Amino acid sequence: MLHSRRSFEKNYLDIEDLKERVSTFAVTCAEKLRCQQSCCKTFLSFINISYFFGGLQKTNLKFVTENMVKQIEEKINNRPVRKFNYLTPNQVLQEKIALIT
């Protein structure tokens, strides 16, 4: 069994560029299988984008709007977290506030 993953060196916004990168990666996986004298019965591909808007953490902050920051804040504070037993940070905060009021 071959498991392989790839993070690209930059964000690809054009679908044709993304298809080319995925195809190149698939060829690399096929070469690895050939070296193992193996074959592929099933191929699964999952494509994710950066959680922070495709790499906002590397963006020049001069170009970041207040609206963009608020959207990221919403995503972070409303995403379930394992550490909080899959509650969101907002839910945990509301529980803590309820305890002191």
N, C-alpha and C. Protein backbone atom coordinates (compact mmCIF):
# COMPACT_ATOMS: atom_id res chain seq x y z
N MET A 1 0.85 -1.17 0.00
CA MET A 1 0.00 0.00 0.00
C MET A 1 0.89 1.24 0.00
N LEU A 2 0.54 2.20 -0.79
CA LEU A 2 1.32 3.42 -0.91
C LEU A 2 0.47 4.60 -0.44
N HIS A 3 0.97 5.31 0.53
CA HIS A 3 0.32 6.53 1.00
C HIS A 3 1.28 7.66 0.69
N SER A 4 0.75 8.69 0.11
CA SER A 4 1.62 9.81 -0.21
C SER A 4 0.81 11.10 -0.16
N ARG A 5 1.44 12.15 0.24
CA ARG A 5 0.75 13.44 0.29
C ARG A 5 1.67 14.51 -0.26
N ARG A 6 1.08 15.60 -0.67
CA ARG A 6 1.86 16.66 -1.28
C ARG A 6 1.28 18.01 -0.90
N SER A 7 2.14 18.91 -0.47
CA SER A 7 1.79 20.31 -0.29
C SER A 7 2.50 21.07 -1.40
N PHE A 8 1.78 21.90 -2.07
CA PHE A 8 2.38 22.64 -3.17
C PHE A 8 3.11 23.87 -2.65
N GLU A 9 4.09 24.31 -3.42
CA GLU A 9 4.94 25.42 -3.01
C GLU A 9 4.22 26.76 -3.04
N LYS A 10 3.08 26.83 -3.73
CA LYS A 10 2.30 28.06 -3.78
C LYS A 10 0.84 27.69 -3.96
N ASN A 11 -0.03 28.67 -3.87
CA ASN A 11 -1.45 28.44 -4.07
C ASN A 11 -1.76 28.51 -5.56
N TYR A 12 -2.54 27.55 -6.03
CA TYR A 12 -2.95 27.51 -7.43
C TYR A 12 -4.42 27.89 -7.52
N LEU A 13 -4.70 28.98 -8.20
CA LEU A 13 -6.06 29.45 -8.34
C LEU A 13 -6.68 29.04 -9.67
N ASP A 14 -5.84 28.74 -10.65
CA ASP A 14 -6.32 28.32 -11.97
C ASP A 14 -6.46 26.80 -11.98
N ILE A 15 -7.64 26.32 -12.42
CA ILE A 15 -7.91 24.89 -12.39
C ILE A 15 -6.95 24.11 -13.29
N GLU A 16 -6.54 24.69 -14.40
CA GLU A 16 -5.62 23.99 -15.30
C GLU A 16 -4.25 23.81 -14.65
N ASP A 17 -3.79 24.83 -13.93
CA ASP A 17 -2.52 24.70 -13.20
C ASP A 17 -2.62 23.61 -12.14
N LEU A 18 -3.75 23.58 -11.45
CA LEU A 18 -3.95 22.58 -10.40
C LEU A 18 -3.99 21.17 -11.00
N LYS A 19 -4.69 21.01 -12.13
CA LYS A 19 -4.74 19.71 -12.80
C LYS A 19 -3.33 19.25 -13.18
N GLU A 20 -2.53 20.17 -13.68
CA GLU A 20 -1.16 19.82 -14.07
C GLU A 20 -0.35 19.36 -12.87
N ARG A 21 -0.46 20.06 -11.74
CA ARG A 21 0.29 19.69 -10.54
C ARG A 21 -0.15 18.34 -10.01
N VAL A 22 -1.46 18.09 -9.98
CA VAL A 22 -1.97 16.81 -9.49
C VAL A 22 -1.53 15.69 -10.43
N SER A 23 -1.57 15.93 -11.74
CA SER A 23 -1.12 14.92 -12.71
C SER A 23 0.35 14.58 -12.51
N THR A 24 1.17 15.60 -12.32
CA THR A 24 2.60 15.37 -12.09
C THR A 24 2.81 14.55 -10.82
N PHE A 25 2.07 14.86 -9.80
CA PHE A 25 2.18 14.12 -8.55
C PHE A 25 1.74 12.67 -8.73
N ALA A 26 0.67 12.45 -9.50
CA ALA A 26 0.19 11.09 -9.76
C ALA A 26 1.25 10.28 -10.51
N VAL A 27 1.94 10.92 -11.43
CA VAL A 27 3.01 10.24 -12.16
C VAL A 27 4.12 9.81 -11.20
N THR A 28 4.47 10.68 -10.27
CA THR A 28 5.49 10.36 -9.27
C THR A 28 5.05 9.16 -8.43
N CYS A 29 3.78 9.13 -8.04
CA CYS A 29 3.26 7.99 -7.28
C CYS A 29 3.33 6.71 -8.11
N ALA A 30 2.99 6.81 -9.38
CA ALA A 30 3.04 5.63 -10.26
C ALA A 30 4.47 5.10 -10.36
N GLU A 31 5.43 6.00 -10.44
CA GLU A 31 6.83 5.58 -10.49
C GLU A 31 7.23 4.83 -9.22
N LYS A 32 6.75 5.30 -8.07
CA LYS A 32 7.04 4.62 -6.81
C LYS A 32 6.43 3.22 -6.81
N LEU A 33 5.21 3.11 -7.32
CA LEU A 33 4.56 1.79 -7.39
C LEU A 33 5.34 0.84 -8.29
N ARG A 34 5.81 1.36 -9.42
CA ARG A 34 6.59 0.52 -10.34
C ARG A 34 7.86 0.01 -9.67
N CYS A 35 8.50 0.88 -8.90
CA CYS A 35 9.72 0.46 -8.19
C CYS A 35 9.43 -0.66 -7.19
N GLN A 36 8.21 -0.66 -6.65
CA GLN A 36 7.81 -1.71 -5.71
C GLN A 36 7.25 -2.93 -6.43
N GLN A 37 7.22 -2.88 -7.76
CA GLN A 37 6.60 -3.91 -8.59
C GLN A 37 5.17 -4.16 -8.12
N SER A 38 4.46 -3.05 -7.98
CA SER A 38 3.09 -3.07 -7.48
C SER A 38 2.17 -2.39 -8.48
N CYS A 39 0.88 -2.39 -8.17
CA CYS A 39 -0.07 -1.70 -9.04
C CYS A 39 -1.11 -1.00 -8.17
N CYS A 40 -1.89 -0.17 -8.83
CA CYS A 40 -2.88 0.63 -8.11
C CYS A 40 -4.28 0.15 -8.48
N LYS A 41 -5.06 -0.23 -7.49
CA LYS A 41 -6.45 -0.61 -7.74
C LYS A 41 -7.39 0.56 -7.46
N THR A 42 -7.01 1.40 -6.52
CA THR A 42 -7.83 2.55 -6.15
C THR A 42 -6.94 3.76 -5.97
N PHE A 43 -7.41 4.88 -6.47
CA PHE A 43 -6.68 6.14 -6.33
C PHE A 43 -7.63 7.15 -5.71
N LEU A 44 -7.26 7.71 -4.58
CA LEU A 44 -8.07 8.75 -3.93
C LEU A 44 -7.28 10.04 -3.90
N SER A 45 -7.96 11.11 -4.21
CA SER A 45 -7.31 12.41 -4.19
C SER A 45 -8.18 13.39 -3.41
N PHE A 46 -7.57 14.07 -2.46
CA PHE A 46 -8.26 15.08 -1.68
C PHE A 46 -7.50 16.38 -1.85
N ILE A 47 -8.20 17.41 -2.19
CA ILE A 47 -7.55 18.71 -2.37
C ILE A 47 -8.16 19.67 -1.37
N ASN A 48 -7.31 20.26 -0.57
CA ASN A 48 -7.74 21.23 0.44
C ASN A 48 -7.08 22.56 0.17
N ILE A 49 -7.75 23.61 0.58
CA ILE A 49 -7.13 24.92 0.52
C ILE A 49 -6.66 25.29 1.92
N SER A 50 -5.78 26.22 1.99
CA SER A 50 -5.29 26.67 3.28
C SER A 50 -6.46 27.16 4.12
N TYR A 51 -6.45 26.80 5.37
CA TYR A 51 -7.51 27.24 6.28
C TYR A 51 -7.58 28.76 6.35
N PHE A 52 -6.43 29.41 6.23
CA PHE A 52 -6.38 30.86 6.33
C PHE A 52 -6.41 31.51 4.95
N PHE A 53 -7.47 31.25 4.20
CA PHE A 53 -7.70 31.93 2.92
C PHE A 53 -6.56 31.75 1.95
N GLY A 54 -6.08 30.55 1.80
CA GLY A 54 -5.05 30.29 0.81
C GLY A 54 -3.72 30.94 1.13
N GLY A 55 -3.36 31.01 2.37
CA GLY A 55 -2.04 31.51 2.72
C GLY A 55 -2.02 32.93 3.23
N LEU A 56 -3.10 33.36 3.85
CA LEU A 56 -3.15 34.73 4.35
C LEU A 56 -2.05 34.98 5.38
N GLN A 57 -1.61 33.92 6.08
CA GLN A 57 -0.57 34.10 7.08
C GLN A 57 0.74 34.58 6.46
N LYS A 58 0.90 34.48 5.14
CA LYS A 58 2.10 34.94 4.46
C LYS A 58 1.84 36.21 3.64
N THR A 59 0.68 36.79 3.80
CA THR A 59 0.27 37.95 3.01
C THR A 59 0.79 39.24 3.63
N ASN A 60 1.15 40.17 2.78
CA ASN A 60 1.54 41.50 3.22
C ASN A 60 0.33 42.13 3.90
N LEU A 61 0.47 42.49 5.16
CA LEU A 61 -0.67 42.97 5.94
C LEU A 61 -1.22 44.31 5.44
N LYS A 62 -0.50 44.99 4.58
CA LYS A 62 -1.03 46.22 4.00
C LYS A 62 -2.28 45.94 3.17
N PHE A 63 -2.40 44.73 2.66
CA PHE A 63 -3.50 44.39 1.77
C PHE A 63 -4.62 43.63 2.47
N VAL A 64 -4.51 43.44 3.76
CA VAL A 64 -5.52 42.71 4.52
C VAL A 64 -6.56 43.70 5.03
N THR A 65 -7.81 43.45 4.67
CA THR A 65 -8.89 44.34 5.11
C THR A 65 -9.43 43.88 6.45
N GLU A 66 -10.13 44.77 7.11
CA GLU A 66 -10.75 44.43 8.39
C GLU A 66 -11.78 43.32 8.20
N ASN A 67 -12.47 43.33 7.07
CA ASN A 67 -13.45 42.29 6.78
C ASN A 67 -12.78 40.92 6.67
N MET A 68 -11.61 40.85 6.05
CA MET A 68 -10.88 39.59 5.93
C MET A 68 -10.50 39.06 7.32
N VAL A 69 -10.05 39.95 8.19
CA VAL A 69 -9.68 39.55 9.55
C VAL A 69 -10.90 39.03 10.30
N LYS A 70 -12.03 39.70 10.15
CA LYS A 70 -13.26 39.26 10.81
C LYS A 70 -13.72 37.89 10.31
N GLN A 71 -13.57 37.63 9.01
CA GLN A 71 -13.95 36.33 8.47
C GLN A 71 -13.07 35.22 9.05
N ILE A 72 -11.78 35.48 9.16
CA ILE A 72 -10.86 34.49 9.73
C ILE A 72 -11.18 34.28 11.21
N GLU A 73 -11.43 35.36 11.92
CA GLU A 73 -11.81 35.28 13.33
C GLU A 73 -13.06 34.42 13.50
N GLU A 74 -14.05 34.62 12.65
CA GLU A 74 -15.27 33.81 12.70
C GLU A 74 -14.97 32.33 12.50
N LYS A 75 -14.14 32.02 11.51
CA LYS A 75 -13.81 30.62 11.23
C LYS A 75 -13.09 29.98 12.42
N ILE A 76 -12.13 30.69 12.97
CA ILE A 76 -11.34 30.13 14.07
C ILE A 76 -12.21 29.94 15.32
N ASN A 77 -13.00 30.93 15.65
CA ASN A 77 -13.78 30.87 16.89
C ASN A 77 -15.02 29.99 16.81
N ASN A 78 -15.39 29.58 15.61
CA ASN A 78 -16.57 28.73 15.45
C ASN A 78 -16.24 27.34 14.90
N ARG A 79 -14.96 26.98 14.96
CA ARG A 79 -14.52 25.66 14.52
C ARG A 79 -14.39 24.75 15.73
N PRO A 80 -15.00 23.57 15.71
CA PRO A 80 -14.87 22.64 16.84
C PRO A 80 -13.40 22.26 17.09
N VAL A 81 -13.04 22.17 18.36
CA VAL A 81 -11.65 21.88 18.75
C VAL A 81 -11.64 20.64 19.63
N ARG A 82 -10.79 19.69 19.29
CA ARG A 82 -10.71 18.44 20.06
C ARG A 82 -10.39 18.71 21.53
N LYS A 83 -9.49 19.64 21.77
CA LYS A 83 -9.09 19.99 23.14
C LYS A 83 -10.29 20.41 24.00
N PHE A 84 -11.32 20.96 23.35
CA PHE A 84 -12.54 21.38 24.06
C PHE A 84 -13.67 20.36 23.86
N ASN A 85 -13.31 19.09 23.67
CA ASN A 85 -14.31 18.04 23.43
C ASN A 85 -15.23 18.41 22.26
N TYR A 86 -14.63 18.96 21.23
CA TYR A 86 -15.30 19.32 19.99
C TYR A 86 -16.34 20.42 20.13
N LEU A 87 -16.20 21.20 21.18
CA LEU A 87 -16.96 22.44 21.26
C LEU A 87 -16.14 23.51 20.55
N THR A 88 -16.78 24.59 20.18
CA THR A 88 -16.05 25.69 19.56
C THR A 88 -15.50 26.60 20.66
N PRO A 89 -14.47 27.39 20.36
CA PRO A 89 -13.99 28.35 21.35
C PRO A 89 -15.10 29.29 21.83
N ASN A 90 -16.00 29.69 20.94
CA ASN A 90 -17.11 30.55 21.35
C ASN A 90 -18.02 29.85 22.35
N GLN A 91 -18.28 28.56 22.15
CA GLN A 91 -19.12 27.82 23.09
C GLN A 91 -18.45 27.71 24.45
N VAL A 92 -17.16 27.46 24.46
CA VAL A 92 -16.41 27.35 25.71
C VAL A 92 -16.44 28.68 26.44
N LEU A 93 -16.24 29.77 25.71
CA LEU A 93 -16.28 31.10 26.31
C LEU A 93 -17.65 31.36 26.93
N GLN A 94 -18.70 31.04 26.21
CA GLN A 94 -20.06 31.26 26.75
C GLN A 94 -20.31 30.44 28.01
N GLU A 95 -19.78 29.20 28.04
CA GLU A 95 -19.92 28.38 29.25
C GLU A 95 -19.19 29.00 30.42
N LYS A 96 -17.99 29.53 30.18
CA LYS A 96 -17.20 30.15 31.26
C LYS A 96 -17.90 31.42 31.77
N ILE A 97 -18.46 32.20 30.86
CA ILE A 97 -19.18 33.41 31.24
C ILE A 97 -20.40 33.04 32.08
N ALA A 98 -21.10 31.97 31.67
CA ALA A 98 -22.29 31.53 32.42
C ALA A 98 -21.93 31.12 33.83
N LEU A 99 -20.74 30.57 34.04
CA LEU A 99 -20.31 30.14 35.37
C LEU A 99 -20.07 31.31 36.32
N ILE A 100 -19.66 32.44 35.78
CA ILE A 100 -19.32 33.58 36.66
C ILE A 100 -20.44 34.60 36.77
N THR A 101 -21.53 34.39 36.03
CA THR A 101 -22.64 35.35 36.14
C THR A 101 -23.78 34.79 36.93
